[in-house]
PDB file of N, CA and C in Angstrom:
ATOM      1  N   UNK A   1     -12.823 -12.601   2.250  1.00  0.00           N
ATOM      2  CA  UNK A   1     -11.720 -12.907   1.342  1.00  0.00           C
ATOM      3  C   UNK A   1     -10.431 -12.310   1.906  1.00  0.00           C
ATOM      4  N   UNK A   2      -9.364 -13.024   1.770  1.00  0.00           N
ATOM      5  CA  UNK A   2      -8.065 -12.565   2.281  1.00  0.00           C
ATOM      6  C   UNK A   2      -7.238 -11.954   1.156  1.00  0.00           C
ATOM      7  N   UNK A   3      -6.496 -10.921   1.517  1.00  0.00           N
ATOM      8  CA  UNK A   3      -5.555 -10.321   0.571  1.00  0.00           C
ATOM      9  C   UNK A   3      -4.284 -11.159   0.569  1.00  0.00           C
ATOM     10  N   UNK A   4      -3.463 -10.926  -0.429  1.00  0.00           N
ATOM     11  CA  UNK A   4      -2.163 -11.578  -0.480  1.00  0.00           C
ATOM     12  C   UNK A   4      -1.101 -10.669   0.106  1.00  0.00           C
ATOM     13  N   UNK A   5       0.132 -11.146   0.096  1.00  0.00           N
ATOM     14  CA  UNK A   5       1.244 -10.340   0.577  1.00  0.00           C
ATOM     15  C   UNK A   5       2.296 -10.259  -0.528  1.00  0.00           C
ATOM     16  N   UNK A   6       2.993  -9.132  -0.563  1.00  0.00           N
ATOM     17  CA  UNK A   6       4.057  -8.933  -1.541  1.00  0.00           C
ATOM     18  C   UNK A   6       5.329  -8.576  -0.777  1.00  0.00           C
ATOM     19  N   UNK A   7       6.451  -9.123  -1.220  1.00  0.00           N
ATOM     20  CA  UNK A   7       7.737  -8.835  -0.573  1.00  0.00           C
ATOM     21  C   UNK A   7       8.336  -7.560  -1.174  1.00  0.00           C
ATOM     22  N   UNK A   8       9.321  -7.032  -0.497  1.00  0.00           N
ATOM     23  CA  UNK A   8      10.014  -5.837  -0.992  1.00  0.00           C
ATOM     24  C   UNK A   8      10.625  -6.065  -2.373  1.00  0.00           C
ATOM     25  N   UNK A   9      11.358  -7.164  -2.605  1.00  0.00           N
ATOM     26  CA  UNK A   9      11.921  -7.375  -3.944  1.00  0.00           C
ATOM     27  C   UNK A   9      10.846  -7.509  -5.032  1.00  0.00           C
ATOM     28  N   UNK A  10       9.725  -8.150  -4.694  1.00  0.00           N
ATOM     29  CA  UNK A  10       8.630  -8.275  -5.671  1.00  0.00           C
ATOM     30  C   UNK A  10       8.028  -6.910  -5.983  1.00  0.00           C
ATOM     31  N   UNK A  11       7.844  -6.089  -4.945  1.00  0.00           N
ATOM     32  CA  UNK A  11       7.289  -4.750  -5.152  1.00  0.00           C
ATOM     33  C   UNK A  11       8.259  -3.885  -5.948  1.00  0.00           C
ATOM     34  N   UNK A  12       9.544  -4.018  -5.683  1.00  0.00           N
ATOM     35  CA  UNK A  12      10.545  -3.260  -6.427  1.00  0.00           C
ATOM     36  C   UNK A  12      10.412  -3.526  -7.930  1.00  0.00           C
ATOM     37  N   UNK A  13      10.179  -4.786  -8.298  1.00  0.00           N
ATOM     38  CA  UNK A  13      10.026  -5.150  -9.711  1.00  0.00           C
ATOM     39  C   UNK A  13       8.775  -4.535 -10.336  1.00  0.00           C
ATOM     40  N   UNK A  14       7.773  -4.219  -9.512  1.00  0.00           N
ATOM     41  CA  UNK A  14       6.502  -3.714 -10.022  1.00  0.00           C
ATOM     42  C   UNK A  14       6.356  -2.196  -9.900  1.00  0.00           C
ATOM     43  N   UNK A  15       7.389  -1.508  -9.432  1.00  0.00           N
ATOM     44  CA  UNK A  15       7.287  -0.070  -9.164  1.00  0.00           C
ATOM     45  C   UNK A  15       6.765   0.742 -10.343  1.00  0.00           C
ATOM     46  N   UNK A  16       7.162   0.399 -11.526  1.00  0.00           N
ATOM     47  CA  UNK A  16       6.764   1.189 -12.693  1.00  0.00           C
ATOM     48  C   UNK A  16       5.658   0.529 -13.511  1.00  0.00           C
ATOM     49  N   UNK A  17       5.041  -0.481 -12.944  1.00  0.00           N
ATOM     50  CA  UNK A  17       3.973  -1.181 -13.647  1.00  0.00           C
ATOM     51  C   UNK A  17       2.694  -0.342 -13.671  1.00  0.00           C
ATOM     52  N   UNK A  18       2.042  -0.337 -14.803  1.00  0.00           N
ATOM     53  CA  UNK A  18       0.759   0.367 -14.922  1.00  0.00           C
ATOM     54  C   UNK A  18      -0.386  -0.445 -14.321  1.00  0.00           C
ATOM     55  N   UNK A  19      -0.090  -1.683 -13.919  1.00  0.00           N
ATOM     56  CA  UNK A  19      -1.111  -2.577 -13.375  1.00  0.00           C
ATOM     57  C   UNK A  19      -1.178  -2.536 -11.855  1.00  0.00           C
ATOM     58  N   UNK A  20      -0.346  -1.705 -11.230  1.00  0.00           N
ATOM     59  CA  UNK A  20      -0.260  -1.669  -9.777  1.00  0.00           C
ATOM     60  C   UNK A  20      -0.467  -0.241  -9.278  1.00  0.00           C
ATOM     61  N   UNK A  21      -1.215  -0.106  -8.182  1.00  0.00           N
ATOM     62  CA  UNK A  21      -1.371   1.174  -7.507  1.00  0.00           C
ATOM     63  C   UNK A  21      -0.858   0.975  -6.081  1.00  0.00           C
ATOM     64  N   UNK A  22       0.188   1.706  -5.714  1.00  0.00           N
ATOM     65  CA  UNK A  22       0.816   1.569  -4.405  1.00  0.00           C
ATOM     66  C   UNK A  22       0.241   2.645  -3.483  1.00  0.00           C
ATOM     67  N   UNK A  23      -0.290   2.216  -2.340  1.00  0.00           N
ATOM     68  CA  UNK A  23      -1.024   3.129  -1.468  1.00  0.00           C
ATOM     69  C   UNK A  23      -0.414   3.194  -0.075  1.00  0.00           C
ATOM     70  N   UNK A  24      -0.031   4.394   0.299  1.00  0.00           N
ATOM     71  CA  UNK A  24       0.493   4.702   1.638  1.00  0.00           C
ATOM     72  C   UNK A  24      -0.705   5.107   2.493  1.00  0.00           C
ATOM     73  N   UNK A  25      -0.928   4.419   3.618  1.00  0.00           N
ATOM     74  CA  UNK A  25      -2.097   4.742   4.446  1.00  0.00           C
ATOM     75  C   UNK A  25      -1.735   5.376   5.788  1.00  0.00           C
ATOM     76  N   UNK A  26      -0.456   5.641   6.022  1.00  0.00           N
ATOM     77  CA  UNK A  26      -0.066   6.338   7.254  1.00  0.00           C
ATOM     78  C   UNK A  26      -0.462   7.810   7.133  1.00  0.00           C
ATOM     79  N   UNK A  27      -0.019   8.610   8.057  1.00  0.00           N
ATOM     80  CA  UNK A  27      -0.396  10.030   8.071  1.00  0.00           C
ATOM     81  C   UNK A  27       0.110  10.788   6.837  1.00  0.00           C
ATOM     82  N   UNK A  28      -0.548  11.886   6.544  1.00  0.00           N
ATOM     83  CA  UNK A  28      -0.135  12.756   5.440  1.00  0.00           C
ATOM     84  C   UNK A  28       1.290  13.259   5.681  1.00  0.00           C
ATOM     85  N   UNK A  29       1.588  13.588   6.930  1.00  0.00           N
ATOM     86  CA  UNK A  29       2.928  14.061   7.291  1.00  0.00           C
ATOM     87  C   UNK A  29       3.980  12.993   6.982  1.00  0.00           C
ATOM     88  N   UNK A  30       3.696  11.765   7.336  1.00  0.00           N
ATOM     89  CA  UNK A  30       4.604  10.648   7.051  1.00  0.00           C
ATOM     90  C   UNK A  30       4.789  10.480   5.547  1.00  0.00           C
ATOM     91  N   UNK A  31       3.692  10.564   4.803  1.00  0.00           N
ATOM     92  CA  UNK A  31       3.735  10.431   3.344  1.00  0.00           C
ATOM     93  C   UNK A  31       4.600  11.528   2.722  1.00  0.00           C
ATOM     94  N   UNK A  32       4.456  12.746   3.216  1.00  0.00           N
ATOM     95  CA  UNK A  32       5.212  13.868   2.649  1.00  0.00           C
ATOM     96  C   UNK A  32       6.703  13.785   2.961  1.00  0.00           C
ATOM     97  N   UNK A  33       7.066  13.126   4.057  1.00  0.00           N
ATOM     98  CA  UNK A  33       8.489  12.982   4.422  1.00  0.00           C
ATOM     99  C   UNK A  33       9.179  11.922   3.567  1.00  0.00           C
ATOM    100  N   UNK A  34       8.613  10.721   3.561  1.00  0.00           N
ATOM    101  CA  UNK A  34       9.231   9.592   2.849  1.00  0.00           C
ATOM    102  C   UNK A  34       8.132   8.660   2.382  1.00  0.00           C
ATOM    103  N   UNK A  35       8.230   8.264   1.125  1.00  0.00           N
ATOM    104  CA  UNK A  35       7.249   7.323   0.583  1.00  0.00           C
ATOM    105  C   UNK A  35       7.888   6.485  -0.509  1.00  0.00           C
ATOM    106  N   UNK A  36       7.347   5.294  -0.686  1.00  0.00           N
ATOM    107  CA  UNK A  36       7.793   4.410  -1.749  1.00  0.00           C
ATOM    108  C   UNK A  36       7.524   5.096  -3.083  1.00  0.00           C
ATOM    109  N   UNK A  37       8.474   4.990  -3.985  1.00  0.00           N
ATOM    110  CA  UNK A  37       8.353   5.605  -5.306  1.00  0.00           C
ATOM    111  C   UNK A  37       7.020   5.220  -5.949  1.00  0.00           C
ATOM    112  N   UNK A  38       6.383   6.197  -6.561  1.00  0.00           N
ATOM    113  CA  UNK A  38       5.123   6.052  -7.300  1.00  0.00           C
ATOM    114  C   UNK A  38       3.918   5.724  -6.424  1.00  0.00           C
ATOM    115  N   UNK A  39       4.035   5.913  -5.114  1.00  0.00           N
ATOM    116  CA  UNK A  39       2.878   5.634  -4.274  1.00  0.00           C
ATOM    117  C   UNK A  39       2.002   6.878  -4.125  1.00  0.00           C
ATOM    118  N   UNK A  40       0.745   6.620  -3.802  1.00  0.00           N
ATOM    119  CA  UNK A  40      -0.208   7.693  -3.536  1.00  0.00           C
ATOM    120  C   UNK A  40      -0.607   7.597  -2.072  1.00  0.00           C
ATOM    121  N   UNK A  41      -1.132   8.697  -1.525  1.00  0.00           N
ATOM    122  CA  UNK A  41      -1.610   8.694  -0.147  1.00  0.00           C
ATOM    123  C   UNK A  41      -3.121   8.643  -0.161  1.00  0.00           C
ATOM    124  N   UNK A  42      -3.657   7.676   0.550  1.00  0.00           N
ATOM    125  CA  UNK A  42      -5.092   7.605   0.779  1.00  0.00           C
ATOM    126  C   UNK A  42      -5.252   7.405   2.283  1.00  0.00           C
ATOM    127  N   UNK A  43      -5.988   8.304   2.947  1.00  0.00           N
ATOM    128  CA  UNK A  43      -6.126   8.182   4.397  1.00  0.00           C
ATOM    129  C   UNK A  43      -6.765   6.861   4.813  1.00  0.00           C
ATOM    130  N   UNK A  44      -6.231   6.281   5.866  1.00  0.00           N
ATOM    131  CA  UNK A  44      -6.759   5.028   6.417  1.00  0.00           C
ATOM    132  C   UNK A  44      -8.256   5.130   6.674  1.00  0.00           C
ATOM    133  N   UNK A  45      -8.685   6.229   7.311  1.00  0.00           N
ATOM    134  CA  UNK A  45     -10.100   6.336   7.678  1.00  0.00           C
ATOM    135  C   UNK A  45     -11.015   6.436   6.454  1.00  0.00           C
ATOM    136  N   UNK A  46     -10.515   6.966   5.359  1.00  0.00           N
ATOM    137  CA  UNK A  46     -11.317   7.009   4.123  1.00  0.00           C
ATOM    138  C   UNK A  46     -11.587   5.595   3.625  1.00  0.00           C
ATOM    139  N   UNK A  47     -10.563   4.773   3.611  1.00  0.00           N
ATOM    140  CA  UNK A  47     -10.717   3.393   3.147  1.00  0.00           C
ATOM    141  C   UNK A  47     -11.521   2.562   4.144  1.00  0.00           C
ATOM    142  N   UNK A  48     -11.321   2.834   5.427  1.00  0.00           N
ATOM    143  CA  UNK A  48     -12.065   2.123   6.463  1.00  0.00           C
ATOM    144  C   UNK A  48     -13.572   2.379   6.333  1.00  0.00           C
ATOM    145  N   UNK A  49     -13.932   3.581   5.858  1.00  0.00           N
ATOM    146  CA  UNK A  49     -15.344   3.944   5.632  1.00  0.00           C
ATOM    147  C   UNK A  49     -15.862   3.435   4.286  1.00  0.00           C
ATOM    148  N   UNK A  50     -15.068   2.611   3.613  1.00  0.00           N
ATOM    149  CA  UNK A  50     -15.423   2.039   2.304  1.00  0.00           C
ATOM    150  C   UNK A  50     -15.534   3.103   1.219  1.00  0.00           C
ATOM    151  N   UNK A  51     -14.782   4.175   1.365  1.00  0.00           N
ATOM    152  CA  UNK A  51     -14.726   5.227   0.354  1.00  0.00           C
ATOM    153  C   UNK A  51     -13.528   4.916  -0.549  1.00  0.00           C
ATOM    154  N   UNK A  52     -13.811   4.283  -1.685  1.00  0.00           N
ATOM    155  CA  UNK A  52     -12.756   3.806  -2.588  1.00  0.00           C
ATOM    156  C   UNK A  52     -12.632   4.660  -3.855  1.00  0.00           C
ATOM    157  N   UNK A  53     -13.174   5.855  -3.860  1.00  0.00           N
ATOM    158  CA  UNK A  53     -13.236   6.666  -5.088  1.00  0.00           C
ATOM    159  C   UNK A  53     -11.872   6.970  -5.690  1.00  0.00           C
ATOM    160  N   UNK A  54     -10.811   6.956  -4.875  1.00  0.00           N
ATOM    161  CA  UNK A  54      -9.480   7.274  -5.412  1.00  0.00           C
ATOM    162  C   UNK A  54      -8.757   6.043  -5.954  1.00  0.00           C
ATOM    163  N   UNK A  55      -9.408   4.883  -5.923  1.00  0.00           N
ATOM    164  CA  UNK A  55      -8.772   3.647  -6.360  1.00  0.00           C
ATOM    165  C   UNK A  55      -9.224   3.234  -7.750  1.00  0.00           C
ATOM    166  N   UNK A  56      -8.315   2.671  -8.497  1.00  0.00           N
ATOM    167  CA  UNK A  56      -8.592   2.163  -9.839  1.00  0.00           C
ATOM    168  C   UNK A  56      -8.795   0.654  -9.722  1.00  0.00           C
ATOM    169  N   UNK A  57     -10.028   0.211  -9.908  1.00  0.00           N
ATOM    170  CA  UNK A  57     -10.363  -1.203  -9.709  1.00  0.00           C
ATOM    171  C   UNK A  57      -9.663  -2.124 -10.703  1.00  0.00           C
ATOM    172  N   UNK A  58      -9.167  -1.562 -11.798  1.00  0.00           N
ATOM    173  CA  UNK A  58      -8.481  -2.393 -12.793  1.00  0.00           C
ATOM    174  C   UNK A  58      -7.036  -2.714 -12.381  1.00  0.00           C
ATOM    175  N   UNK A  59      -6.561  -2.073 -11.309  1.00  0.00           N
ATOM    176  CA  UNK A  59      -5.180  -2.271 -10.863  1.00  0.00           C
ATOM    177  C   UNK A  59      -5.126  -3.088  -9.578  1.00  0.00           C
ATOM    178  N   UNK A  60      -3.989  -3.723  -9.362  1.00  0.00           N
ATOM    179  CA  UNK A  60      -3.732  -4.398  -8.094  1.00  0.00           C
ATOM    180  C   UNK A  60      -3.347  -3.318  -7.078  1.00  0.00           C
ATOM    181  N   UNK A  61      -4.043  -3.303  -5.962  1.00  0.00           N
ATOM    182  CA  UNK A  61      -3.784  -2.326  -4.907  1.00  0.00           C
ATOM    183  C   UNK A  61      -2.755  -2.904  -3.948  1.00  0.00           C
ATOM    184  N   UNK A  62      -1.635  -2.197  -3.763  1.00  0.00           N
ATOM    185  CA  UNK A  62      -0.605  -2.617  -2.807  1.00  0.00           C
ATOM    186  C   UNK A  62      -0.633  -1.617  -1.661  1.00  0.00           C
ATOM    187  N   UNK A  63      -0.967  -2.109  -0.477  1.00  0.00           N
ATOM    188  CA  UNK A  63      -1.155  -1.261   0.692  1.00  0.00           C
ATOM    189  C   UNK A  63       0.047  -1.396   1.629  1.00  0.00           C
ATOM    190  N   UNK A  64       0.528  -0.247   2.125  1.00  0.00           N
ATOM    191  CA  UNK A  64       1.607  -0.280   3.116  1.00  0.00           C
ATOM    192  C   UNK A  64       1.450   0.847   4.120  1.00  0.00           C
ATOM    193  N   UNK A  65       2.078   0.661   5.271  1.00  0.00           N
ATOM    194  CA  UNK A  65       2.128   1.729   6.265  1.00  0.00           C
ATOM    195  C   UNK A  65       3.542   1.782   6.856  1.00  0.00           C
ATOM    196  N   UNK A  66       3.672   1.863   8.158  1.00  0.00           N
ATOM    197  CA  UNK A  66       4.979   2.118   8.775  1.00  0.00           C
ATOM    198  C   UNK A  66       5.918   0.911   8.786  1.00  0.00           C
ATOM    199  N   UNK A  67       5.453  -0.203   9.355  1.00  0.00           N
ATOM    200  CA  UNK A  67       6.324  -1.371   9.510  1.00  0.00           C
ATOM    201  C   UNK A  67       5.475  -2.616   9.780  1.00  0.00           C
ATOM    202  N   UNK A  68       6.140  -3.717  10.073  1.00  0.00           N
ATOM    203  CA  UNK A  68       5.436  -4.990  10.289  1.00  0.00           C
ATOM    204  C   UNK A  68       4.504  -4.981  11.488  1.00  0.00           C
ATOM    205  N   UNK A  69       4.727  -4.107  12.445  1.00  0.00           N
ATOM    206  CA  UNK A  69       3.844  -4.061  13.613  1.00  0.00           C
ATOM    207  C   UNK A  69       2.550  -3.310  13.320  1.00  0.00           C
ATOM    208  N   UNK A  70       2.485  -2.616  12.195  1.00  0.00           N
ATOM    209  CA  UNK A  70       1.279  -1.879  11.792  1.00  0.00           C
ATOM    210  C   UNK A  70       0.305  -2.856  11.130  1.00  0.00           C
ATOM    211  N   UNK A  71      -0.788  -3.104  11.785  1.00  0.00           N
ATOM    212  CA  UNK A  71      -1.784  -4.044  11.257  1.00  0.00           C
ATOM    213  C   UNK A  71      -2.784  -3.369  10.313  1.00  0.00           C
ATOM    214  N   UNK A  72      -2.727  -2.051  10.214  1.00  0.00           N
ATOM    215  CA  UNK A  72      -3.679  -1.304   9.392  1.00  0.00           C
ATOM    216  C   UNK A  72      -3.592  -1.673   7.915  1.00  0.00           C
ATOM    217  N   UNK A  73      -2.381  -1.903   7.415  1.00  0.00           N
ATOM    218  CA  UNK A  73      -2.225  -2.241   6.001  1.00  0.00           C
ATOM    219  C   UNK A  73      -2.925  -3.558   5.683  1.00  0.00           C
ATOM    220  N   UNK A  74      -2.766  -4.545   6.535  1.00  0.00           N
ATOM    221  CA  UNK A  74      -3.420  -5.844   6.337  1.00  0.00           C
ATOM    222  C   UNK A  74      -4.936  -5.692   6.425  1.00  0.00           C
ATOM    223  N   UNK A  75      -5.409  -4.919   7.380  1.00  0.00           N
ATOM    224  CA  UNK A  75      -6.837  -4.683   7.537  1.00  0.00           C
ATOM    225  C   UNK A  75      -7.435  -4.069   6.272  1.00  0.00           C
ATOM    226  N   UNK A  76      -6.787  -3.050   5.742  1.00  0.00           N
ATOM    227  CA  UNK A  76      -7.291  -2.374   4.539  1.00  0.00           C
ATOM    228  C   UNK A  76      -7.180  -3.284   3.316  1.00  0.00           C
ATOM    229  N   UNK A  77      -6.086  -4.000   3.180  1.00  0.00           N
ATOM    230  CA  UNK A  77      -5.940  -4.915   2.041  1.00  0.00           C
ATOM    231  C   UNK A  77      -7.045  -5.972   2.062  1.00  0.00           C
ATOM    232  N   UNK A  78      -7.355  -6.514   3.235  1.00  0.00           N
ATOM    233  CA  UNK A  78      -8.445  -7.497   3.349  1.00  0.00           C
ATOM    234  C   UNK A  78      -9.798  -6.858   3.049  1.00  0.00           C
ATOM    235  N   UNK A  79     -10.005  -5.635   3.509  1.00  0.00           N
ATOM    236  CA  UNK A  79     -11.249  -4.913   3.253  1.00  0.00           C
ATOM    237  C   UNK A  79     -11.443  -4.696   1.748  1.00  0.00           C
ATOM    238  N   UNK A  80     -10.363  -4.327   1.075  1.00  0.00           N
ATOM    239  CA  UNK A  80     -10.425  -4.153  -0.377  1.00  0.00           C
ATOM    240  C   UNK A  80     -10.734  -5.479  -1.064  1.00  0.00           C
ATOM    241  N   UNK A  81     -10.089  -6.547  -0.637  1.00  0.00           N
ATOM    242  CA  UNK A  81     -10.342  -7.867  -1.217  1.00  0.00           C
ATOM    243  C   UNK A  81     -11.803  -8.263  -1.024  1.00  0.00           C
ATOM    244  N   UNK A  82     -12.356  -7.956   0.143  1.00  0.00           N
ATOM    245  CA  UNK A  82     -13.765  -8.262   0.423  1.00  0.00           C
ATOM    246  C   UNK A  82     -14.716  -7.478  -0.482  1.00  0.00           C
ATOM    247  N   UNK A  83     -14.224  -6.363  -1.024  1.00  0.00           N
ATOM    248  CA  UNK A  83     -15.049  -5.511  -1.874  1.00  0.00           C
ATOM    249  C   UNK A  83     -14.686  -5.617  -3.351  1.00  0.00           C
ATOM    250  N   UNK A  84     -14.064  -6.721  -3.720  1.00  0.00           N
ATOM    251  CA  UNK A  84     -13.828  -7.009  -5.126  1.00  0.00           C
ATOM    252  C   UNK A  84     -12.563  -6.454  -5.739  1.00  0.00           C
ATOM    253  N   UNK A  85     -11.679  -5.907  -4.937  1.00  0.00           N
ATOM    254  CA  UNK A  85     -10.411  -5.394  -5.449  1.00  0.00           C
ATOM    255  C   UNK A  85      -9.339  -6.469  -5.338  1.00  0.00           C
ATOM    256  N   UNK A  86      -8.408  -6.463  -6.275  1.00  0.00           N
ATOM    257  CA  UNK A  86      -7.205  -7.278  -6.126  1.00  0.00           C
ATOM    258  C   UNK A  86      -6.297  -6.480  -5.202  1.00  0.00           C
ATOM    259  N   UNK A  87      -5.906  -7.070  -4.086  1.00  0.00           N
ATOM    260  CA  UNK A  87      -5.093  -6.306  -3.139  1.00  0.00           C
ATOM    261  C   UNK A  87      -3.997  -7.157  -2.526  1.00  0.00           C
ATOM    262  N   UNK A  88      -2.892  -6.484  -2.264  1.00  0.00           N
ATOM    263  CA  UNK A  88      -1.734  -7.092  -1.625  1.00  0.00           C
ATOM    264  C   UNK A  88      -1.281  -6.168  -0.507  1.00  0.00           C
ATOM    265  N   UNK A  89      -0.721  -6.742   0.531  1.00  0.00           N
ATOM    266  CA  UNK A  89      -0.147  -5.935   1.596  1.00  0.00           C
ATOM    267  C   UNK A  89       1.375  -6.043   1.520  1.00  0.00           C
ATOM    268  N   UNK A  90       2.033  -4.895   1.610  1.00  0.00           N
ATOM    269  CA  UNK A  90       3.488  -4.885   1.772  1.00  0.00           C
ATOM    270  C   UNK A  90       3.718  -4.637   3.257  1.00  0.00           C
ATOM    271  N   UNK A  91       3.897  -5.725   3.991  1.00  0.00           N
ATOM    272  CA  UNK A  91       3.935  -5.682   5.453  1.00  0.00           C
ATOM    273  C   UNK A  91       5.168  -4.975   6.007  1.00  0.00           C
ATOM    274  N   UNK A  92       6.273  -4.984   5.291  1.00  0.00           N
ATOM    275  CA  UNK A  92       7.499  -4.357   5.787  1.00  0.00           C
ATOM    276  C   UNK A  92       7.387  -2.859   5.941  1.00  0.00           C
ATOM    277  N   UNK A  93       6.500  -2.264   5.168  1.00  0.00           N
ATOM    278  CA  UNK A  93       6.257  -0.834   5.277  1.00  0.00           C
ATOM    279  C   UNK A  93       7.436   0.029   4.885  1.00  0.00           C
ATOM    280  N   UNK A  94       7.273   1.306   5.148  1.00  0.00           N
ATOM    281  CA  UNK A  94       8.283   2.274   4.745  1.00  0.00           C
ATOM    282  C   UNK A  94       9.605   2.048   5.478  1.00  0.00           C
ATOM    283  N   UNK A  95       9.548   1.558   6.712  1.00  0.00           N
ATOM    284  CA  UNK A  95      10.796   1.332   7.458  1.00  0.00           C
ATOM    285  C   UNK A  95      11.671   0.276   6.782  1.00  0.00           C
ATOM    286  N   UNK A  96      11.092  -0.851   6.401  1.00  0.00           N
ATOM    287  CA  UNK A  96      11.866  -1.888   5.719  1.00  0.00           C
ATOM    288  C   UNK A  96      12.379  -1.373   4.379  1.00  0.00           C
ATOM    289  N   UNK A  97      11.517  -0.661   3.639  1.00  0.00           N
ATOM    290  CA  UNK A  97      11.870  -0.106   2.335  1.00  0.00           C
ATOM    291  C   UNK A  97      13.099   0.783   2.455  1.00  0.00           C
ATOM    292  N   UNK A  98      13.101   1.661   3.488  1.00  0.00           N
ATOM    293  CA  UNK A  98      14.244   2.545   3.729  1.00  0.00           C
ATOM    294  C   UNK A  98      15.501   1.742   4.072  1.00  0.00           C
ATOM    295  N   UNK A  99      15.344   0.750   4.947  1.00  0.00           N
ATOM    296  CA  UNK A  99      16.487  -0.087   5.342  1.00  0.00           C
ATOM    297  C   UNK A  99      17.121  -0.775   4.141  1.00  0.00           C
ATOM    298  N   UNK A 100      16.308  -1.140   3.159  1.00  0.00           N
ATOM    299  CA  UNK A 100      16.810  -1.815   1.956  1.00  0.00           C
ATOM    300  C   UNK A 100      17.404  -0.844   0.934  1.00  0.00           C
ATOM    301  N   UNK A 101      17.173   0.449   1.144  1.00  0.00           N
ATOM    302  CA  UNK A 101      17.706   1.456   0.231  1.00  0.00           C
ATOM    303  C   UNK A 101      16.981   1.496  -1.108  1.00  0.00           C
ATOM    304  N   UNK A 102      15.722   1.068  -1.101  1.00  0.00           N
ATOM    305  CA  UNK A 102      14.937   1.052  -2.343  1.00  0.00           C
ATOM    306  C   UNK A 102      14.409   2.459  -2.671  1.00  0.00           C
ATOM    307  N   UNK A 103      13.984   2.695  -3.934  1.00  0.00           N
ATOM    308  CA  UNK A 103      13.625   4.037  -4.409  1.00  0.00           C
ATOM    309  C   UNK A 103      12.461   4.698  -3.667  1.00  0.00           C
ATOM    310  N   UNK A 104      12.656   6.001  -3.419  1.00  0.00           N
ATOM    311  CA  UNK A 104      11.664   6.843  -2.764  1.00  0.00           C
ATOM    312  C   UNK A 104      11.264   7.983  -3.666  1.00  0.00           C
ATOM    313  N   UNK A 105      10.147   8.586  -3.369  1.00  0.00           N
ATOM    314  CA  UNK A 105       9.740   9.846  -3.994  1.00  0.00           C
ATOM    315  C   UNK A 105       9.963  10.941  -2.986  1.00  0.00           C
TER     316      UNK A 105
END
């Protein structure tokens, strides 16, 4: 099963939604420096090992990493979709988010 994709403006509209969980999968150091508002950090390797304990299956999972050249977000979003989660990839990543001046934590 394939995940969907969400654009920056669409994600901006959903930032405070209780139906969405935004997941940063880059390094912990990257997450601590700059992250999309209301996002959580889940290590890539945890999700790659199918360890989904930190995810709420009732929410749409939005996965992002550094930028469009990072294929990890798409890989994880597809993996989640294959395991019954609603998942979207924000392909622009933190770099695009910063360029747009959208809210950070």
